[in-house]
Amino acid sequence: LIYLPPYSPDFNPIEQAFHSIKAWLRRHEADAMQPEARPWLIHQAAMSITPESAEGWILNCGYFFE
């Protein structure tokens, strides 16, 4: 078991996921002007993450799995 420093974004795949979600939302900024559409847009942004992307982020952070 190896403990990470308290805040280590380079070793945390969720940081890369948040980056991807925020980039998706920036590309759809015009739609986000409607407050009632925001929850749907956040859901769509999260659903745009592919398993391949998630696996790449995990490997990029130095984690390995079999």
PDB file of N, CA and C in Angstrom:
ATOM      1  N   LEU A   1       0.853  -1.180   0.000  1.00  0.00           N
ATOM      2  CA  LEU A   1       0.000   0.000   0.000  1.00  0.00           C
ATOM      3  C   LEU A   1       0.889   1.229   0.000  1.00  0.00           C
ATOM      4  N   ILE A   2       0.651   2.119  -0.952  1.00  0.00           N
ATOM      5  CA  ILE A   2       1.427   3.353  -1.054  1.00  0.00           C
ATOM      6  C   ILE A   2       0.459   4.523  -0.912  1.00  0.00           C
ATOM      7  N   TYR A   3       0.752   5.388   0.047  1.00  0.00           N
ATOM      8  CA  TYR A   3      -0.095   6.558   0.263  1.00  0.00           C
ATOM      9  C   TYR A   3       0.373   7.704  -0.622  1.00  0.00           C
ATOM     10  N   LEU A   4      -0.576   8.454  -1.126  1.00  0.00           N
ATOM     11  CA  LEU A   4      -0.279   9.608  -1.956  1.00  0.00           C
ATOM     12  C   LEU A   4      -0.269  10.868  -1.100  1.00  0.00           C
ATOM     13  N   PRO A   5       0.418  11.915  -1.557  1.00  0.00           N
ATOM     14  CA  PRO A   5       0.336  13.196  -0.851  1.00  0.00           C
ATOM     15  C   PRO A   5      -1.125  13.675  -0.826  1.00  0.00           C
ATOM     16  N   PRO A   6      -1.468  14.579   0.107  1.00  0.00           N
ATOM     17  CA  PRO A   6      -2.863  15.009   0.259  1.00  0.00           C
ATOM     18  C   PRO A   6      -3.526  15.483  -1.038  1.00  0.00           C
ATOM     19  N   TYR A   7      -2.851  16.292  -1.822  1.00  0.00           N
ATOM     20  CA  TYR A   7      -3.445  16.731  -3.088  1.00  0.00           C
ATOM     21  C   TYR A   7      -2.440  16.458  -4.191  1.00  0.00           C
ATOM     22  N   SER A   8      -2.684  15.436  -4.971  1.00  0.00           N
ATOM     23  CA  SER A   8      -1.778  15.044  -6.053  1.00  0.00           C
ATOM     24  C   SER A   8      -2.567  14.870  -7.346  1.00  0.00           C
ATOM     25  N   PRO A   9      -2.879  15.944  -8.044  1.00  0.00           N
ATOM     26  CA  PRO A   9      -3.697  15.814  -9.253  1.00  0.00           C
ATOM     27  C   PRO A   9      -3.039  14.962 -10.335  1.00  0.00           C
ATOM     28  N   ASP A  10      -1.710  14.892 -10.328  1.00  0.00           N
ATOM     29  CA  ASP A  10      -1.028  14.080 -11.344  1.00  0.00           C
ATOM     30  C   ASP A  10      -1.245  12.591 -11.138  1.00  0.00           C
ATOM     31  N   PHE A  11      -1.641  12.201  -9.925  1.00  0.00           N
ATOM     32  CA  PHE A  11      -1.856  10.788  -9.618  1.00  0.00           C
ATOM     33  C   PHE A  11      -3.329  10.455  -9.419  1.00  0.00           C
ATOM     34  N   ASN A  12      -4.214  11.377  -9.799  1.00  0.00           N
ATOM     35  CA  ASN A  12      -5.636  11.195  -9.556  1.00  0.00           C
ATOM     36  C   ASN A  12      -6.409  11.254 -10.880  1.00  0.00           C
ATOM     37  N   PRO A  13      -6.869  10.106 -11.383  1.00  0.00           N
ATOM     38  CA  PRO A  13      -7.568  10.089 -12.677  1.00  0.00           C
ATOM     39  C   PRO A  13      -8.826  10.955 -12.727  1.00  0.00           C
ATOM     40  N   ILE A  14      -9.456  11.211 -11.588  1.00  0.00           N
ATOM     41  CA  ILE A  14     -10.686  12.009 -11.602  1.00  0.00           C
ATOM     42  C   ILE A  14     -10.412  13.435 -12.067  1.00  0.00           C
ATOM     43  N   GLU A  15      -9.199  13.921 -11.835  1.00  0.00           N
ATOM     44  CA  GLU A  15      -8.846  15.269 -12.294  1.00  0.00           C
ATOM     45  C   GLU A  15      -8.903  15.339 -13.821  1.00  0.00           C
ATOM     46  N   GLN A  16      -8.453  14.291 -14.486  1.00  0.00           N
ATOM     47  CA  GLN A  16      -8.506  14.264 -15.947  1.00  0.00           C
ATOM     48  C   GLN A  16      -9.950  14.116 -16.426  1.00  0.00           C
ATOM     49  N   ALA A  17     -10.760  13.399 -15.670  1.00  0.00           N
ATOM     50  CA  ALA A  17     -12.180  13.281 -16.017  1.00  0.00           C
ATOM     51  C   ALA A  17     -12.868  14.640 -15.890  1.00  0.00           C
ATOM     52  N   PHE A  18     -12.584  15.366 -14.804  1.00  0.00           N
ATOM     53  CA  PHE A  18     -13.169  16.701 -14.638  1.00  0.00           C
ATOM     54  C   PHE A  18     -12.735  17.621 -15.777  1.00  0.00           C
ATOM     55  N   HIS A  19     -11.475  17.521 -16.184  1.00  0.00           N
ATOM     56  CA  HIS A  19     -10.982  18.335 -17.293  1.00  0.00           C
ATOM     57  C   HIS A  19     -11.776  18.034 -18.568  1.00  0.00           C
ATOM     58  N   SER A  20     -12.019  16.773 -18.825  1.00  0.00           N
ATOM     59  CA  SER A  20     -12.772  16.370 -20.014  1.00  0.00           C
ATOM     60  C   SER A  20     -14.209  16.881 -19.957  1.00  0.00           C
ATOM     61  N   ILE A  21     -14.838  16.779 -18.796  1.00  0.00           N
ATOM     62  CA  ILE A  21     -16.216  17.254 -18.626  1.00  0.00           C
ATOM     63  C   ILE A  21     -16.286  18.763 -18.835  1.00  0.00           C
ATOM     64  N   LYS A  22     -15.342  19.500 -18.237  1.00  0.00           N
ATOM     65  CA  LYS A  22     -15.348  20.954 -18.386  1.00  0.00           C
ATOM     66  C   LYS A  22     -15.096  21.368 -19.833  1.00  0.00           C
ATOM     67  N   ALA A  23     -14.225  20.643 -20.530  1.00  0.00           N
ATOM     68  CA  ALA A  23     -13.970  20.952 -21.943  1.00  0.00           C
ATOM     69  C   ALA A  23     -15.232  20.720 -22.769  1.00  0.00           C
ATOM     70  N   TRP A  24     -15.954  19.639 -22.484  1.00  0.00           N
ATOM     71  CA  TRP A  24     -17.203  19.352 -23.200  1.00  0.00           C
ATOM     72  C   TRP A  24     -18.208  20.471 -22.949  1.00  0.00           C
ATOM     73  N   LEU A  25     -18.312  20.912 -21.697  1.00  0.00           N
ATOM     74  CA  LEU A  25     -19.259  21.981 -21.366  1.00  0.00           C
ATOM     75  C   LEU A  25     -18.876  23.296 -22.044  1.00  0.00           C
ATOM     76  N   ARG A  26     -17.569  23.580 -22.147  1.00  0.00           N
ATOM     77  CA  ARG A  26     -17.138  24.799 -22.845  1.00  0.00           C
ATOM     78  C   ARG A  26     -17.529  24.752 -24.322  1.00  0.00           C
ATOM     79  N   ARG A  27     -17.448  23.567 -24.932  1.00  0.00           N
ATOM     80  CA  ARG A  27     -17.827  23.439 -26.346  1.00  0.00           C
ATOM     81  C   ARG A  27     -19.332  23.643 -26.542  1.00  0.00           C
ATOM     82  N   HIS A  28     -20.113  23.428 -25.496  1.00  0.00           N
ATOM     83  CA  HIS A  28     -21.573  23.567 -25.578  1.00  0.00           C
ATOM     84  C   HIS A  28     -22.053  24.741 -24.709  1.00  0.00           C
ATOM     85  N   GLU A  29     -21.226  25.763 -24.632  1.00  0.00           N
ATOM     86  CA  GLU A  29     -21.510  26.904 -23.756  1.00  0.00           C
ATOM     87  C   GLU A  29     -22.816  27.612 -24.112  1.00  0.00           C
ATOM     88  N   ALA A  30     -23.129  27.706 -25.375  1.00  0.00           N
ATOM     89  CA  ALA A  30     -24.359  28.403 -25.786  1.00  0.00           C
ATOM     90  C   ALA A  30     -25.589  27.722 -25.194  1.00  0.00           C
ATOM     91  N   ASP A  31     -25.583  26.393 -25.146  1.00  0.00           N
ATOM     92  CA  ASP A  31     -26.717  25.660 -24.577  1.00  0.00           C
ATOM     93  C   ASP A  31     -26.821  25.866 -23.066  1.00  0.00           C
ATOM     94  N   ALA A  32     -25.685  26.128 -22.416  1.00  0.00           N
ATOM     95  CA  ALA A  32     -25.661  26.262 -20.959  1.00  0.00           C
ATOM     96  C   ALA A  32     -26.251  27.586 -20.484  1.00  0.00           C
ATOM     97  N   MET A  33     -26.593  28.472 -21.403  1.00  0.00           N
ATOM     98  CA  MET A  33     -27.192  29.744 -21.012  1.00  0.00           C
ATOM     99  C   MET A  33     -28.604  29.550 -20.462  1.00  0.00           C
ATOM    100  N   GLN A  34     -29.208  28.419 -20.755  1.00  0.00           N
ATOM    101  CA  GLN A  34     -30.542  28.118 -20.241  1.00  0.00           C
ATOM    102  C   GLN A  34     -30.384  27.324 -18.941  1.00  0.00           C
ATOM    103  N   PRO A  35     -30.722  27.911 -17.786  1.00  0.00           N
ATOM    104  CA  PRO A  35     -30.516  27.222 -16.506  1.00  0.00           C
ATOM    105  C   PRO A  35     -31.182  25.853 -16.420  1.00  0.00           C
ATOM    106  N   GLU A  36     -32.341  25.691 -17.051  1.00  0.00           N
ATOM    107  CA  GLU A  36     -33.038  24.402 -16.953  1.00  0.00           C
ATOM    108  C   GLU A  36     -32.309  23.305 -17.729  1.00  0.00           C
ATOM    109  N   ALA A  37     -31.434  23.678 -18.657  1.00  0.00           N
ATOM    110  CA  ALA A  37     -30.699  22.685 -19.455  1.00  0.00           C
ATOM    111  C   ALA A  37     -29.407  22.235 -18.787  1.00  0.00           C
ATOM    112  N   ARG A  38     -28.955  22.934 -17.763  1.00  0.00           N
ATOM    113  CA  ARG A  38     -27.646  22.637 -17.173  1.00  0.00           C
ATOM    114  C   ARG A  38     -27.522  21.231 -16.598  1.00  0.00           C
ATOM    115  N   PRO A  39     -28.482  20.731 -15.825  1.00  0.00           N
ATOM    116  CA  PRO A  39     -28.323  19.347 -15.333  1.00  0.00           C
ATOM    117  C   PRO A  39     -28.206  18.334 -16.470  1.00  0.00           C
ATOM    118  N   TRP A  40     -28.989  18.536 -17.519  1.00  0.00           N
ATOM    119  CA  TRP A  40     -28.927  17.627 -18.664  1.00  0.00           C
ATOM    120  C   TRP A  40     -27.563  17.716 -19.348  1.00  0.00           C
ATOM    121  N   LEU A  41     -27.030  18.935 -19.480  1.00  0.00           N
ATOM    122  CA  LEU A  41     -25.724  19.106 -20.116  1.00  0.00           C
ATOM    123  C   LEU A  41     -24.614  18.451 -19.304  1.00  0.00           C
ATOM    124  N   ILE A  42     -24.682  18.582 -17.983  1.00  0.00           N
ATOM    125  CA  ILE A  42     -23.676  17.938 -17.131  1.00  0.00           C
ATOM    126  C   ILE A  42     -23.758  16.429 -17.291  1.00  0.00           C
ATOM    127  N   HIS A  43     -24.966  15.910 -17.346  1.00  0.00           N
ATOM    128  CA  HIS A  43     -25.146  14.466 -17.552  1.00  0.00           C
ATOM    129  C   HIS A  43     -24.562  14.049 -18.902  1.00  0.00           C
ATOM    130  N   GLN A  44     -24.854  14.809 -19.943  1.00  0.00           N
ATOM    131  CA  GLN A  44     -24.336  14.483 -21.274  1.00  0.00           C
ATOM    132  C   GLN A  44     -22.810  14.546 -21.296  1.00  0.00           C
ATOM    133  N   ALA A  45     -22.245  15.534 -20.607  1.00  0.00           N
ATOM    134  CA  ALA A  45     -20.784  15.654 -20.555  1.00  0.00           C
ATOM    135  C   ALA A  45     -20.172  14.437 -19.872  1.00  0.00           C
ATOM    136  N   ALA A  46     -20.771  13.991 -18.783  1.00  0.00           N
ATOM    137  CA  ALA A  46     -20.263  12.807 -18.080  1.00  0.00           C
ATOM    138  C   ALA A  46     -20.418  11.559 -18.940  1.00  0.00           C
ATOM    139  N   MET A  47     -21.515  11.466 -19.676  1.00  0.00           N
ATOM    140  CA  MET A  47     -21.745  10.296 -20.517  1.00  0.00           C
ATOM    141  C   MET A  47     -20.819  10.275 -21.740  1.00  0.00           C
ATOM    142  N   SER A  48     -20.206  11.406 -22.053  1.00  0.00           N
ATOM    143  CA  SER A  48     -19.299  11.447 -23.202  1.00  0.00           C
ATOM    144  C   SER A  48     -17.951  10.791 -22.901  1.00  0.00           C
ATOM    145  N   ILE A  49     -17.709  10.470 -21.640  1.00  0.00           N
ATOM    146  CA  ILE A  49     -16.455   9.806 -21.261  1.00  0.00           C
ATOM    147  C   ILE A  49     -16.549   8.335 -21.650  1.00  0.00           C
ATOM    148  N   THR A  50     -15.599   7.898 -22.436  1.00  0.00           N
ATOM    149  CA  THR A  50     -15.594   6.507 -22.887  1.00  0.00           C
ATOM    150  C   THR A  50     -14.774   5.639 -21.931  1.00  0.00           C
ATOM    151  N   PRO A  51     -15.043   4.344 -21.898  1.00  0.00           N
ATOM    152  CA  PRO A  51     -14.215   3.447 -21.080  1.00  0.00           C
ATOM    153  C   PRO A  51     -12.740   3.511 -21.482  1.00  0.00           C
ATOM    154  N   GLU A  52     -12.483   3.700 -22.766  1.00  0.00           N
ATOM    155  CA  GLU A  52     -11.102   3.793 -23.232  1.00  0.00           C
ATOM    156  C   GLU A  52     -10.412   5.031 -22.657  1.00  0.00           C
ATOM    157  N   SER A  53     -11.144   6.149 -22.589  1.00  0.00           N
ATOM    158  CA  SER A  53     -10.581   7.366 -22.000  1.00  0.00           C
ATOM    159  C   SER A  53     -10.269   7.148 -20.528  1.00  0.00           C
ATOM    160  N   ALA A  54     -11.217   6.564 -19.808  1.00  0.00           N
ATOM    161  CA  ALA A  54     -11.012   6.317 -18.381  1.00  0.00           C
ATOM    162  C   ALA A  54      -9.815   5.400 -18.153  1.00  0.00           C
ATOM    163  N   GLU A  55      -9.702   4.361 -18.960  1.00  0.00           N
ATOM    164  CA  GLU A  55      -8.563   3.448 -18.823  1.00  0.00           C
ATOM    165  C   GLU A  55      -7.249   4.187 -19.101  1.00  0.00           C
ATOM    166  N   GLY A  56      -7.247   5.041 -20.101  1.00  0.00           N
ATOM    167  CA  GLY A  56      -6.053   5.823 -20.417  1.00  0.00           C
ATOM    168  C   GLY A  56      -5.653   6.740 -19.281  1.00  0.00           C
ATOM    169  N   TRP A  57      -6.633   7.376 -18.638  1.00  0.00           N
ATOM    170  CA  TRP A  57      -6.323   8.259 -17.511  1.00  0.00           C
ATOM    171  C   TRP A  57      -5.728   7.477 -16.350  1.00  0.00           C
ATOM    172  N   ILE A  58      -6.277   6.303 -16.102  1.00  0.00           N
ATOM    173  CA  ILE A  58      -5.769   5.465 -15.013  1.00  0.00           C
ATOM    174  C   ILE A  58      -4.326   5.064 -15.298  1.00  0.00           C
ATOM    175  N   LEU A  59      -4.062   4.630 -16.517  1.00  0.00           N
ATOM    176  CA  LEU A  59      -2.699   4.238 -16.879  1.00  0.00           C
ATOM    177  C   LEU A  59      -1.759   5.439 -16.872  1.00  0.00           C
ATOM    178  N   ASN A  60      -2.246   6.594 -17.312  1.00  0.00           N
ATOM    179  CA  ASN A  60      -1.441   7.806 -17.328  1.00  0.00           C
ATOM    180  C   ASN A  60      -1.019   8.230 -15.920  1.00  0.00           C
ATOM    181  N   CYS A  61      -1.825   7.912 -14.934  1.00  0.00           N
ATOM    182  CA  CYS A  61      -1.504   8.249 -13.545  1.00  0.00           C
ATOM    183  C   CYS A  61      -0.550   7.235 -12.917  1.00  0.00           C
ATOM    184  N   GLY A  62      -0.215   6.202 -13.654  1.00  0.00           N
ATOM    185  CA  GLY A  62       0.749   5.233 -13.147  1.00  0.00           C
ATOM    186  C   GLY A  62       0.139   4.026 -12.481  1.00  0.00           C
ATOM    187  N   TYR A  63      -1.175   3.871 -12.575  1.00  0.00           N
ATOM    188  CA  TYR A  63      -1.835   2.705 -11.995  1.00  0.00           C
ATOM    189  C   TYR A  63      -1.904   1.603 -13.043  1.00  0.00           C
ATOM    190  N   PHE A  64      -1.714   0.379 -12.608  1.00  0.00           N
ATOM    191  CA  PHE A  64      -1.777  -0.767 -13.510  1.00  0.00           C
ATOM    192  C   PHE A  64      -2.769  -1.769 -12.967  1.00  0.00           C
ATOM    193  N   PHE A  65      -3.465  -2.439 -13.845  1.00  0.00           N
ATOM    194  CA  PHE A  65      -4.414  -3.465 -13.429  1.00  0.00           C
ATOM    195  C   PHE A  65      -4.390  -4.585 -14.446  1.00  0.00           C
ATOM    196  N   GLU A  66      -4.840  -5.716 -14.005  1.00  0.00           N
ATOM    197  CA  GLU A  66      -4.837  -6.900 -14.871  1.00  0.00           C
ATOM    198  C   GLU A  66      -6.242  -7.303 -15.237  1.00  0.00           C
TER     199      GLU A  66
END
